[in-house]
Amino acid sequence: MECTHSYCVTAGDRGFVRRAHKHLLERFSSYHQWHHHPHHRQIHWAALGLHLALIFSLVLSSISSGTVFAATNNWTFATAGDYTLSSSDLLEVTGSASRLKVRNYANDSNTKAL
């Protein structure tokens, strides 16, 4: 005998969800009994809300996690003696600009990705 409970009756076989629901009702008695639980609809909505809140919080945390905070100390370059050069071979000075010199390196397992 077929169940006439409103959640157990599927109107037609249109749509994947209705076909899947009908199949699960026929195949698993626990699935069928679950739909007779008086609070199953509220629990379904609560579970959906919980999943959506979790997804929203994960997306929000991944977006906002890129925050970079400033250092707590200020560096002033007013006194040149505070900064020393370890080797003058590493800098290239042209006029009032300076930059690091290009250095050649041997290709080995440490530098193969460069």
PDB file of N, CA and C in Angstrom:
ATOM      1  N   MET A   1       0.842  -1.179   0.000  1.00  0.00           N
ATOM      2  CA  MET A   1       0.000   0.000   0.000  1.00  0.00           C
ATOM      3  C   MET A   1       0.889   1.245   0.000  1.00  0.00           C
ATOM      4  N   GLU A   2       0.555   2.190  -0.841  1.00  0.00           N
ATOM      5  CA  GLU A   2       1.345   3.413  -0.934  1.00  0.00           C
ATOM      6  C   GLU A   2       0.933   4.412   0.125  1.00  0.00           C
ATOM      7  N   CYS A   3       1.916   5.164   0.571  1.00  0.00           N
ATOM      8  CA  CYS A   3       1.682   6.189   1.583  1.00  0.00           C
ATOM      9  C   CYS A   3       1.060   7.412   0.912  1.00  0.00           C
ATOM     10  N   THR A   4       0.078   8.009   1.559  1.00  0.00           N
ATOM     11  CA  THR A   4      -0.565   9.205   1.011  1.00  0.00           C
ATOM     12  C   THR A   4      -0.173  10.462   1.782  1.00  0.00           C
ATOM     13  N   HIS A   5       0.853  10.356   2.591  1.00  0.00           N
ATOM     14  CA  HIS A   5       1.350  11.512   3.339  1.00  0.00           C
ATOM     15  C   HIS A   5       1.796  12.579   2.338  1.00  0.00           C
ATOM     16  N   SER A   6       1.571  13.849   2.668  1.00  0.00           N
ATOM     17  CA  SER A   6       1.832  14.922   1.700  1.00  0.00           C
ATOM     18  C   SER A   6       3.294  15.001   1.270  1.00  0.00           C
ATOM     19  N   TYR A   7       4.225  14.635   2.142  1.00  0.00           N
ATOM     20  CA  TYR A   7       5.637  14.676   1.765  1.00  0.00           C
ATOM     21  C   TYR A   7       6.076  13.421   1.030  1.00  0.00           C
ATOM     22  N   CYS A   8       5.259  12.387   1.062  1.00  0.00           N
ATOM     23  CA  CYS A   8       5.622  11.132   0.408  1.00  0.00           C
ATOM     24  C   CYS A   8       5.042  11.021  -0.994  1.00  0.00           C
ATOM     25  N   VAL A   9       4.091  11.864  -1.329  1.00  0.00           N
ATOM     26  CA  VAL A   9       3.467  11.819  -2.650  1.00  0.00           C
ATOM     27  C   VAL A   9       4.212  12.782  -3.557  1.00  0.00           C
ATOM     28  N   THR A  10       4.669  12.277  -4.694  1.00  0.00           N
ATOM     29  CA  THR A  10       5.348  13.130  -5.669  1.00  0.00           C
ATOM     30  C   THR A  10       4.431  13.294  -6.862  1.00  0.00           C
ATOM     31  N   ALA A  11       4.120  14.522  -7.198  1.00  0.00           N
ATOM     32  CA  ALA A  11       3.226  14.809  -8.326  1.00  0.00           C
ATOM     33  C   ALA A  11       4.013  14.719  -9.620  1.00  0.00           C
ATOM     34  N   GLY A  12       3.881  13.609 -10.309  1.00  0.00           N
ATOM     35  CA  GLY A  12       4.568  13.441 -11.586  1.00  0.00           C
ATOM     36  C   GLY A  12       6.038  13.130 -11.394  1.00  0.00           C
ATOM     37  N   ASP A  13       6.696  12.850 -12.472  1.00  0.00           N
ATOM     38  CA  ASP A  13       8.123  12.531 -12.435  1.00  0.00           C
ATOM     39  C   ASP A  13       8.956  13.626 -13.071  1.00  0.00           C
ATOM     40  N   ARG A  14       8.457  14.832 -13.068  1.00  0.00           N
ATOM     41  CA  ARG A  14       9.224  15.925 -13.656  1.00  0.00           C
ATOM     42  C   ARG A  14      10.321  16.368 -12.703  1.00  0.00           C
ATOM     43  N   GLY A  15      11.457  16.590 -13.239  1.00  0.00           N
ATOM     44  CA  GLY A  15      12.557  17.120 -12.451  1.00  0.00           C
ATOM     45  C   GLY A  15      13.371  16.046 -11.758  1.00  0.00           C
ATOM     46  N   PHE A  16      14.647  16.306 -11.693  1.00  0.00           N
ATOM     47  CA  PHE A  16      15.589  15.370 -11.085  1.00  0.00           C
ATOM     48  C   PHE A  16      15.308  15.176  -9.601  1.00  0.00           C
ATOM     49  N   VAL A  17      14.995  16.255  -8.900  1.00  0.00           N
ATOM     50  CA  VAL A  17      14.803  16.180  -7.452  1.00  0.00           C
ATOM     51  C   VAL A  17      13.591  15.316  -7.117  1.00  0.00           C
ATOM     52  N   ARG A  18      12.510  15.473  -7.856  1.00  0.00           N
ATOM     53  CA  ARG A  18      11.313  14.664  -7.582  1.00  0.00           C
ATOM     54  C   ARG A  18      11.564  13.189  -7.872  1.00  0.00           C
ATOM     55  N   ARG A  19      12.263  12.904  -8.975  1.00  0.00           N
ATOM     56  CA  ARG A  19      12.573  11.502  -9.285  1.00  0.00           C
ATOM     57  C   ARG A  19      13.480  10.906  -8.215  1.00  0.00           C
ATOM     58  N   ALA A  20      14.469  11.665  -7.779  1.00  0.00           N
ATOM     59  CA  ALA A  20      15.379  11.182  -6.734  1.00  0.00           C
ATOM     60  C   ALA A  20      14.623  10.974  -5.424  1.00  0.00           C
ATOM     61  N   HIS A  21      13.744  11.912  -5.089  1.00  0.00           N
ATOM     62  CA  HIS A  21      12.950  11.806  -3.861  1.00  0.00           C
ATOM     63  C   HIS A  21      12.063  10.561  -3.906  1.00  0.00           C
ATOM     64  N   LYS A  22      11.418  10.325  -5.023  1.00  0.00           N
ATOM     65  CA  LYS A  22      10.551   9.148  -5.166  1.00  0.00           C
ATOM     66  C   LYS A  22      11.365   7.863  -5.037  1.00  0.00           C
ATOM     67  N   HIS A  23      12.534   7.843  -5.669  1.00  0.00           N
ATOM     68  CA  HIS A  23      13.400   6.663  -5.597  1.00  0.00           C
ATOM     69  C   HIS A  23      13.837   6.393  -4.156  1.00  0.00           C
ATOM     70  N   LEU A  24      14.237   7.437  -3.444  1.00  0.00           N
ATOM     71  CA  LEU A  24      14.680   7.274  -2.057  1.00  0.00           C
ATOM     72  C   LEU A  24      13.532   6.829  -1.152  1.00  0.00           C
ATOM     73  N   LEU A  25      12.334   7.356  -1.387  1.00  0.00           N
ATOM     74  CA  LEU A  25      11.171   6.934  -0.596  1.00  0.00           C
ATOM     75  C   LEU A  25      10.889   5.452  -0.774  1.00  0.00           C
ATOM     76  N   GLU A  26      10.993   4.974  -2.014  1.00  0.00           N
ATOM     77  CA  GLU A  26      10.704   3.567  -2.295  1.00  0.00           C
ATOM     78  C   GLU A  26      11.811   2.646  -1.805  1.00  0.00           C
ATOM     79  N   ARG A  27      13.032   3.125  -1.836  1.00  0.00           N
ATOM     80  CA  ARG A  27      14.174   2.261  -1.548  1.00  0.00           C
ATOM     81  C   ARG A  27      14.520   2.169  -0.060  1.00  0.00           C
ATOM     82  N   PHE A  28      14.417   3.287   0.653  1.00  0.00           N
ATOM     83  CA  PHE A  28      14.870   3.324   2.047  1.00  0.00           C
ATOM     84  C   PHE A  28      13.713   3.650   2.982  1.00  0.00           C
ATOM     85  N   SER A  29      13.428   2.731   3.876  1.00  0.00           N
ATOM     86  CA  SER A  29      12.330   2.957   4.828  1.00  0.00           C
ATOM     87  C   SER A  29      12.681   4.063   5.825  1.00  0.00           C
ATOM     88  N   SER A  30      13.954   4.214   6.155  1.00  0.00           N
ATOM     89  CA  SER A  30      14.354   5.277   7.093  1.00  0.00           C
ATOM     90  C   SER A  30      14.117   6.658   6.476  1.00  0.00           C
ATOM     91  N   TYR A  31      14.359   6.790   5.167  1.00  0.00           N
ATOM     92  CA  TYR A  31      14.092   8.050   4.469  1.00  0.00           C
ATOM     93  C   TYR A  31      12.588   8.327   4.474  1.00  0.00           C
ATOM     94  N   HIS A  32      11.807   7.286   4.254  1.00  0.00           N
ATOM     95  CA  HIS A  32      10.349   7.425   4.277  1.00  0.00           C
ATOM     96  C   HIS A  32       9.870   7.830   5.673  1.00  0.00           C
ATOM     97  N   GLN A  33      10.393   7.182   6.701  1.00  0.00           N
ATOM     98  CA  GLN A  33       9.981   7.491   8.072  1.00  0.00           C
ATOM     99  C   GLN A  33      10.400   8.901   8.480  1.00  0.00           C
ATOM    100  N   TRP A  34      11.560   9.344   7.979  1.00  0.00           N
ATOM    101  CA  TRP A  34      12.033  10.689   8.306  1.00  0.00           C
ATOM    102  C   TRP A  34      11.013  11.736   7.868  1.00  0.00           C
ATOM    103  N   HIS A  35      10.353  11.532   6.740  1.00  0.00           N
ATOM    104  CA  HIS A  35       9.382  12.500   6.250  1.00  0.00           C
ATOM    105  C   HIS A  35       8.081  12.491   7.049  1.00  0.00           C
ATOM    106  N   HIS A  36       7.913  11.531   7.925  1.00  0.00           N
ATOM    107  CA  HIS A  36       6.760  11.513   8.822  1.00  0.00           C
ATOM    108  C   HIS A  36       7.083  12.165  10.166  1.00  0.00           C
ATOM    109  N   HIS A  37       8.328  12.521  10.392  1.00  0.00           N
ATOM    110  CA  HIS A  37       8.717  13.196  11.637  1.00  0.00           C
ATOM    111  C   HIS A  37       8.045  14.572  11.654  1.00  0.00           C
ATOM    112  N   PRO A  38       7.445  14.970  12.777  1.00  0.00           N
ATOM    113  CA  PRO A  38       6.685  16.225  12.798  1.00  0.00           C
ATOM    114  C   PRO A  38       7.533  17.483  12.562  1.00  0.00           C
ATOM    115  N   HIS A  39       8.817  17.426  12.816  1.00  0.00           N
ATOM    116  CA  HIS A  39       9.655  18.618  12.671  1.00  0.00           C
ATOM    117  C   HIS A  39      10.667  18.493  11.532  1.00  0.00           C
ATOM    118  N   HIS A  40      10.464  17.569  10.615  1.00  0.00           N
ATOM    119  CA  HIS A  40      11.489  17.358   9.587  1.00  0.00           C
ATOM    120  C   HIS A  40      11.655  18.570   8.681  1.00  0.00           C
ATOM    121  N   ARG A  41      10.574  19.278   8.409  1.00  0.00           N
ATOM    122  CA  ARG A  41      10.672  20.446   7.525  1.00  0.00           C
ATOM    123  C   ARG A  41      11.506  21.556   8.186  1.00  0.00           C
ATOM    124  N   GLN A  42      11.279  21.811   9.475  1.00  0.00           N
ATOM    125  CA  GLN A  42      12.046  22.840  10.183  1.00  0.00           C
ATOM    126  C   GLN A  42      13.523  22.445  10.275  1.00  0.00           C
ATOM    127  N   ILE A  43      13.786  21.166  10.483  1.00  0.00           N
ATOM    128  CA  ILE A  43      15.173  20.703  10.575  1.00  0.00           C
ATOM    129  C   ILE A  43      15.869  20.825   9.224  1.00  0.00           C
ATOM    130  N   HIS A  44      15.154  20.552   8.136  1.00  0.00           N
ATOM    131  CA  HIS A  44      15.727  20.733   6.799  1.00  0.00           C
ATOM    132  C   HIS A  44      16.124  22.194   6.583  1.00  0.00           C
ATOM    133  N   TRP A  45      15.215  23.127   6.928  1.00  0.00           N
ATOM    134  CA  TRP A  45      15.516  24.546   6.747  1.00  0.00           C
ATOM    135  C   TRP A  45      16.667  24.997   7.654  1.00  0.00           C
ATOM    136  N   ALA A  46      16.700  24.484   8.874  1.00  0.00           N
ATOM    137  CA  ALA A  46      17.791  24.838   9.791  1.00  0.00           C
ATOM    138  C   ALA A  46      19.129  24.330   9.265  1.00  0.00           C
ATOM    139  N   ALA A  47      19.144  23.117   8.723  1.00  0.00           N
ATOM    140  CA  ALA A  47      20.384  22.567   8.164  1.00  0.00           C
ATOM    141  C   ALA A  47      20.825  23.373   6.949  1.00  0.00           C
ATOM    142  N   LEU A  48      19.881  23.762   6.101  1.00  0.00           N
ATOM    143  CA  LEU A  48      20.218  24.590   4.942  1.00  0.00           C
ATOM    144  C   LEU A  48      20.781  25.936   5.394  1.00  0.00           C
ATOM    145  N   GLY A  49      20.129  26.555   6.385  1.00  0.00           N
ATOM    146  CA  GLY A  49      20.618  27.833   6.902  1.00  0.00           C
ATOM    147  C   GLY A  49      22.009  27.724   7.501  1.00  0.00           C
ATOM    148  N   LEU A  50      22.269  26.634   8.209  1.00  0.00           N
ATOM    149  CA  LEU A  50      23.588  26.413   8.799  1.00  0.00           C
ATOM    150  C   LEU A  50      24.656  26.265   7.715  1.00  0.00           C
ATOM    151  N   HIS A  51      24.342  25.504   6.683  1.00  0.00           N
ATOM    152  CA  HIS A  51      25.295  25.335   5.583  1.00  0.00           C
ATOM    153  C   HIS A  51      25.555  26.658   4.864  1.00  0.00           C
ATOM    154  N   LEU A  52      24.515  27.425   4.598  1.00  0.00           N
ATOM    155  CA  LEU A  52      24.697  28.714   3.934  1.00  0.00           C
ATOM    156  C   LEU A  52      25.506  29.677   4.799  1.00  0.00           C
ATOM    157  N   ALA A  53      25.263  29.686   6.108  1.00  0.00           N
ATOM    158  CA  ALA A  53      26.033  30.543   7.015  1.00  0.00           C
ATOM    159  C   ALA A  53      27.500  30.130   7.040  1.00  0.00           C
ATOM    160  N   LEU A  54      27.755  28.830   7.021  1.00  0.00           N
ATOM    161  CA  LEU A  54      29.131  28.339   7.007  1.00  0.00           C
ATOM    162  C   LEU A  54      29.839  28.739   5.715  1.00  0.00           C
ATOM    163  N   ILE A  55      29.181  28.561   4.592  1.00  0.00           N
ATOM    164  CA  ILE A  55      29.777  28.938   3.305  1.00  0.00           C
ATOM    165  C   ILE A  55      30.021  30.440   3.264  1.00  0.00           C
ATOM    166  N   PHE A  56      29.055  31.236   3.727  1.00  0.00           N
ATOM    167  CA  PHE A  56      29.209  32.690   3.750  1.00  0.00           C
ATOM    168  C   PHE A  56      30.388  33.102   4.619  1.00  0.00           C
ATOM    169  N   SER A  57      30.520  32.495   5.801  1.00  0.00           N
ATOM    170  CA  SER A  57      31.632  32.859   6.688  1.00  0.00           C
ATOM    171  C   SER A  57      32.976  32.439   6.102  1.00  0.00           C
ATOM    172  N   LEU A  58      33.033  31.299   5.411  1.00  0.00           N
ATOM    173  CA  LEU A  58      34.286  30.884   4.775  1.00  0.00           C
ATOM    174  C   LEU A  58      34.677  31.833   3.651  1.00  0.00           C
ATOM    175  N   VAL A  59      33.713  32.229   2.841  1.00  0.00           N
ATOM    176  CA  VAL A  59      33.995  33.172   1.754  1.00  0.00           C
ATOM    177  C   VAL A  59      34.424  34.513   2.330  1.00  0.00           C
ATOM    178  N   LEU A  60      33.721  34.985   3.337  1.00  0.00           N
ATOM    179  CA  LEU A  60      34.056  36.268   3.951  1.00  0.00           C
ATOM    180  C   LEU A  60      35.438  36.242   4.593  1.00  0.00           C
ATOM    181  N   SER A  61      35.777  35.148   5.262  1.00  0.00           N
ATOM    182  CA  SER A  61      37.094  35.070   5.899  1.00  0.00           C
ATOM    183  C   SER A  61      38.205  34.959   4.862  1.00  0.00           C
ATOM    184  N   SER A  62      37.944  34.325   3.733  1.00  0.00           N
ATOM    185  CA  SER A  62      38.984  34.233   2.708  1.00  0.00           C
ATOM    186  C   SER A  62      39.195  35.574   2.023  1.00  0.00           C
ATOM    187  N   ILE A  63      38.153  36.387   1.930  1.00  0.00           N
ATOM    188  CA  ILE A  63      38.287  37.710   1.321  1.00  0.00           C
ATOM    189  C   ILE A  63      39.014  38.661   2.260  1.00  0.00           C
ATOM    190  N   SER A  64      38.664  38.633   3.533  1.00  0.00           N
ATOM    191  CA  SER A  64      39.215  39.602   4.481  1.00  0.00           C
ATOM    192  C   SER A  64      40.528  39.161   5.112  1.00  0.00           C
ATOM    193  N   SER A  65      41.032  37.986   4.789  1.00  0.00           N
ATOM    194  CA  SER A  65      42.260  37.521   5.434  1.00  0.00           C
ATOM    195  C   SER A  65      43.513  38.147   4.832  1.00  0.00           C
ATOM    196  N   GLY A  66      43.379  38.946   3.796  1.00  0.00           N
ATOM    197  CA  GLY A  66      44.533  39.558   3.158  1.00  0.00           C
ATOM    198  C   GLY A  66      44.991  40.844   3.820  1.00  0.00           C
ATOM    199  N   THR A  67      44.559  41.116   5.025  1.00  0.00           N
ATOM    200  CA  THR A  67      44.930  42.341   5.722  1.00  0.00           C
ATOM    201  C   THR A  67      46.396  42.290   6.139  1.00  0.00           C
ATOM    202  N   VAL A  68      47.109  43.367   5.833  1.00  0.00           N
ATOM    203  CA  VAL A  68      48.514  43.472   6.212  1.00  0.00           C
ATOM    204  C   VAL A  68      48.636  44.643   7.174  1.00  0.00           C
ATOM    205  N   PHE A  69      49.226  44.395   8.319  1.00  0.00           N
ATOM    206  CA  PHE A  69      49.367  45.435   9.321  1.00  0.00           C
ATOM    207  C   PHE A  69      50.760  46.055   9.240  1.00  0.00           C
ATOM    208  N   ALA A  70      50.849  47.336   9.546  1.00  0.00           N
ATOM    209  CA  ALA A  70      52.113  48.057   9.502  1.00  0.00           C
ATOM    210  C   ALA A  70      52.984  47.668  10.689  1.00  0.00           C
ATOM    211  N   ALA A  71      54.281  47.850  10.515  1.00  0.00           N
ATOM    212  CA  ALA A  71      55.219  47.575  11.597  1.00  0.00           C
ATOM    213  C   ALA A  71      55.026  48.599  12.708  1.00  0.00           C
ATOM    214  N   THR A  72      55.419  48.239  13.909  1.00  0.00           N
ATOM    215  CA  THR A  72      55.221  49.130  15.048  1.00  0.00           C
ATOM    216  C   THR A  72      56.350  50.141  15.216  1.00  0.00           C
ATOM    217  N   ASN A  73      57.436  49.988  14.494  1.00  0.00           N
ATOM    218  CA  ASN A  73      58.536  50.946  14.630  1.00  0.00           C
ATOM    219  C   ASN A  73      58.729  51.714  13.322  1.00  0.00           C
ATOM    220  N   ASN A  74      59.170  52.965  13.463  1.00  0.00           N
ATOM    221  CA  ASN A  74      59.423  53.820  12.306  1.00  0.00           C
ATOM    222  C   ASN A  74      60.905  53.806  11.982  1.00  0.00           C
ATOM    223  N   TRP A  75      61.216  53.695  10.705  1.00  0.00           N
ATOM    224  CA  TRP A  75      62.601  53.698  10.259  1.00  0.00           C
ATOM    225  C   TRP A  75      62.885  55.050   9.616  1.00  0.00           C
ATOM    226  N   THR A  76      63.864  55.749  10.175  1.00  0.00           N
ATOM    227  CA  THR A  76      64.269  57.024   9.579  1.00  0.00           C
ATOM    228  C   THR A  76      65.627  56.836   8.928  1.00  0.00           C
ATOM    229  N   PHE A  77      65.801  57.438   7.800  1.00  0.00           N
ATOM    230  CA  PHE A  77      67.059  57.315   7.069  1.00  0.00           C
ATOM    231  C   PHE A  77      67.855  58.618   7.129  1.00  0.00           C
ATOM    232  N   ALA A  78      67.604  59.424   8.154  1.00  0.00           N
ATOM    233  CA  ALA A  78      68.274  60.716   8.283  1.00  0.00           C
ATOM    234  C   ALA A  78      69.755  60.556   8.607  1.00  0.00           C
ATOM    235  N   THR A  79      70.115  59.549   9.386  1.00  0.00           N
ATOM    236  CA  THR A  79      71.506  59.337   9.759  1.00  0.00           C
ATOM    237  C   THR A  79      72.069  58.206   8.918  1.00  0.00           C
ATOM    238  N   ALA A  80      72.924  58.558   7.973  1.00  0.00           N
ATOM    239  CA  ALA A  80      73.462  57.554   7.051  1.00  0.00           C
ATOM    240  C   ALA A  80      74.366  56.558   7.765  1.00  0.00           C
ATOM    241  N   GLY A  81      74.978  56.951   8.863  1.00  0.00           N
ATOM    242  CA  GLY A  81      75.882  56.069   9.588  1.00  0.00           C
ATOM    243  C   GLY A  81      75.182  54.886  10.243  1.00  0.00           C
ATOM    244  N   ASP A  82      73.868  54.971  10.379  1.00  0.00           N
ATOM    245  CA  ASP A  82      73.120  53.853  10.963  1.00  0.00           C
ATOM    246  C   ASP A  82      73.040  52.653  10.025  1.00  0.00           C
ATOM    247  N   TYR A  83      73.338  52.885   8.764  1.00  0.00           N
ATOM    248  CA  TYR A  83      73.210  51.826   7.765  1.00  0.00           C
ATOM    249  C   TYR A  83      74.558  51.622   7.092  1.00  0.00           C
ATOM    250  N   THR A  84      75.038  50.411   7.124  1.00  0.00           N
ATOM    251  CA  THR A  84      76.340  50.129   6.529  1.00  0.00           C
ATOM    252  C   THR A  84      76.177  49.167   5.371  1.00  0.00           C
ATOM    253  N   LEU A  85      77.074  49.259   4.437  1.00  0.00           N
ATOM    254  CA  LEU A  85      77.067  48.414   3.253  1.00  0.00           C
ATOM    255  C   LEU A  85      78.027  47.261   3.481  1.00  0.00           C
ATOM    256  N   SER A  86      77.545  46.049   3.317  1.00  0.00           N
ATOM    257  CA  SER A  86      78.405  44.894   3.561  1.00  0.00           C
ATOM    258  C   SER A  86      79.438  44.725   2.454  1.00  0.00           C
ATOM    259  N   SER A  87      79.073  45.075   1.239  1.00  0.00           N
ATOM    260  CA  SER A  87      80.010  44.964   0.124  1.00  0.00           C
ATOM    261  C   SER A  87      79.599  45.960  -0.950  1.00  0.00           C
ATOM    262  N   SER A  88      80.538  46.768  -1.389  1.00  0.00           N
ATOM    263  CA  SER A  88      80.221  47.761  -2.420  1.00  0.00           C
ATOM    264  C   SER A  88      80.013  47.114  -3.785  1.00  0.00           C
ATOM    265  N   ASP A  89      80.337  45.829  -3.906  1.00  0.00           N
ATOM    266  CA  ASP A  89      80.129  45.126  -5.173  1.00  0.00           C
ATOM    267  C   ASP A  89      78.648  44.832  -5.430  1.00  0.00           C
ATOM    268  N   LEU A  90      77.824  44.985  -4.420  1.00  0.00           N
ATOM    269  CA  LEU A  90      76.419  44.625  -4.566  1.00  0.00           C
ATOM    270  C   LEU A  90      75.534  45.772  -5.039  1.00  0.00           C
ATOM    271  N   LEU A  91      76.018  47.019  -4.942  1.00  0.00           N
ATOM    272  CA  LEU A  91      75.218  48.173  -5.326  1.00  0.00           C
ATOM    273  C   LEU A  91      75.764  48.841  -6.572  1.00  0.00           C
ATOM    274  N   GLU A  92      74.843  49.373  -7.344  1.00  0.00           N
ATOM    275  CA  GLU A  92      75.197  50.136  -8.539  1.00  0.00           C
ATOM    276  C   GLU A  92      74.609  51.525  -8.348  1.00  0.00           C
ATOM    277  N   VAL A  93      75.456  52.539  -8.261  1.00  0.00           N
ATOM    278  CA  VAL A  93      75.005  53.904  -8.014  1.00  0.00           C
ATOM    279  C   VAL A  93      75.160  54.703  -9.295  1.00  0.00           C
ATOM    280  N   THR A  94      74.056  55.349  -9.708  1.00  0.00           N
ATOM    281  CA  THR A  94      74.066  56.197 -10.897  1.00  0.00           C
ATOM    282  C   THR A  94      73.401  57.510 -10.523  1.00  0.00           C
ATOM    283  N   GLY A  95      74.167  58.584 -10.439  1.00  0.00           N
ATOM    284  CA  GLY A  95      73.624  59.877 -10.041  1.00  0.00           C
ATOM    285  C   GLY A  95      73.108  59.808  -8.616  1.00  0.00           C
ATOM    286  N   SER A  96      71.830  60.124  -8.442  1.00  0.00           N
ATOM    287  CA  SER A  96      71.239  60.075  -7.104  1.00  0.00           C
ATOM    288  C   SER A  96      70.423  58.797  -6.872  1.00  0.00           C
ATOM    289  N   ALA A  97      70.488  57.853  -7.809  1.00  0.00           N
ATOM    290  CA  ALA A  97      69.736  56.601  -7.675  1.00  0.00           C
ATOM    291  C   ALA A  97      70.689  55.440  -7.480  1.00  0.00           C
ATOM    292  N   SER A  98      70.233  54.466  -6.748  1.00  0.00           N
ATOM    293  CA  SER A  98      71.039  53.260  -6.572  1.00  0.00           C
ATOM    294  C   SER A  98      70.134  52.046  -6.705  1.00  0.00           C
ATOM    295  N   ARG A  99      70.729  50.938  -7.102  1.00  0.00           N
ATOM    296  CA  ARG A  99      69.981  49.689  -7.217  1.00  0.00           C
ATOM    297  C   ARG A  99      70.933  48.529  -6.994  1.00  0.00           C
ATOM    298  N   LEU A 100      70.370  47.365  -6.746  1.00  0.00           N
ATOM    299  CA  LEU A 100      71.190  46.172  -6.583  1.00  0.00           C
ATOM    300  C   LEU A 100      71.717  45.740  -7.939  1.00  0.00           C
ATOM    301  N   LYS A 101      72.943  45.293  -7.948  1.00  0.00           N
ATOM    302  CA  LYS A 101      73.529  44.811  -9.196  1.00  0.00           C
ATOM    303  C   LYS A 101      72.958  43.448  -9.552  1.00  0.00           C
ATOM    304  N   VAL A 102      72.881  43.186 -10.847  1.00  0.00           N
ATOM    305  CA  VAL A 102      72.447  41.881 -11.323  1.00  0.00           C
ATOM    306  C   VAL A 102      73.569  40.899 -11.059  1.00  0.00           C
ATOM    307  N   ARG A 103      73.229  39.788 -10.446  1.00  0.00           N
ATOM    308  CA  ARG A 103      74.245  38.782 -10.139  1.00  0.00           C
ATOM    309  C   ARG A 103      73.938  37.522 -10.924  1.00  0.00           C
ATOM    310  N   ASN A 104      74.948  36.964 -11.520  1.00  0.00           N
ATOM    311  CA  ASN A 104      74.791  35.693 -12.213  1.00  0.00           C
ATOM    312  C   ASN A 104      74.900  34.566 -11.198  1.00  0.00           C
ATOM    313  N   TYR A 105      74.228  33.497 -11.469  1.00  0.00           N
ATOM    314  CA  TYR A 105      74.249  32.363 -10.566  1.00  0.00           C
ATOM    315  C   TYR A 105      74.306  31.087 -11.380  1.00  0.00           C
ATOM    316  N   ALA A 106      74.744  30.048 -10.731  1.00  0.00           N
ATOM    317  CA  ALA A 106      74.823  28.741 -11.391  1.00  0.00           C
ATOM    318  C   ALA A 106      73.463  28.066 -11.316  1.00  0.00           C
ATOM    319  N   ASN A 107      73.064  27.438 -12.398  1.00  0.00           N
ATOM    320  CA  ASN A 107      71.810  26.683 -12.394  1.00  0.00           C
ATOM    321  C   ASN A 107      72.018  25.379 -11.644  1.00  0.00           C
ATOM    322  N   ASP A 108      71.311  25.241 -10.559  1.00  0.00           N
ATOM    323  CA  ASP A 108      71.355  23.998  -9.801  1.00  0.00           C
ATOM    324  C   ASP A 108      69.949  23.708  -9.281  1.00  0.00           C
ATOM    325  N   SER A 109      69.817  22.727  -8.429  1.00  0.00           N
ATOM    326  CA  SER A 109      68.485  22.343  -7.952  1.00  0.00           C
ATOM    327  C   SER A 109      67.823  23.444  -7.123  1.00  0.00           C
ATOM    328  N   ASN A 110      68.603  24.343  -6.532  1.00  0.00           N
ATOM    329  CA  ASN A 110      68.044  25.427  -5.731  1.00  0.00           C
ATOM    330  C   ASN A 110      67.527  26.576  -6.580  1.00  0.00           C
ATOM    331  N   THR A 111      68.019  26.724  -7.799  1.00  0.00           N
ATOM    332  CA  THR A 111      67.651  27.864  -8.632  1.00  0.00           C
ATOM    333  C   THR A 111      66.957  27.478  -9.922  1.00  0.00           C
ATOM    334  N   LYS A 112      66.551  26.246 -10.093  1.00  0.00           N
ATOM    335  CA  LYS A 112      65.965  25.840 -11.367  1.00  0.00           C
ATOM    336  C   LYS A 112      64.607  26.490 -11.617  1.00  0.00           C
ATOM    337  N   ALA A 113      63.900  26.925 -10.578  1.00  0.00           N
ATOM    338  CA  ALA A 113      62.607  27.577 -10.769  1.00  0.00           C
ATOM    339  C   ALA A 113      62.758  29.034 -11.182  1.00  0.00           C
ATOM    340  N   LEU A 114      63.930  29.613 -11.033  1.00  0.00           N
ATOM    341  CA  LEU A 114      64.126  31.024 -11.388  1.00  0.00           C
ATOM    342  C   LEU A 114      64.172  31.197 -12.843  1.00  0.00           C
TER     343      LEU A 114
END
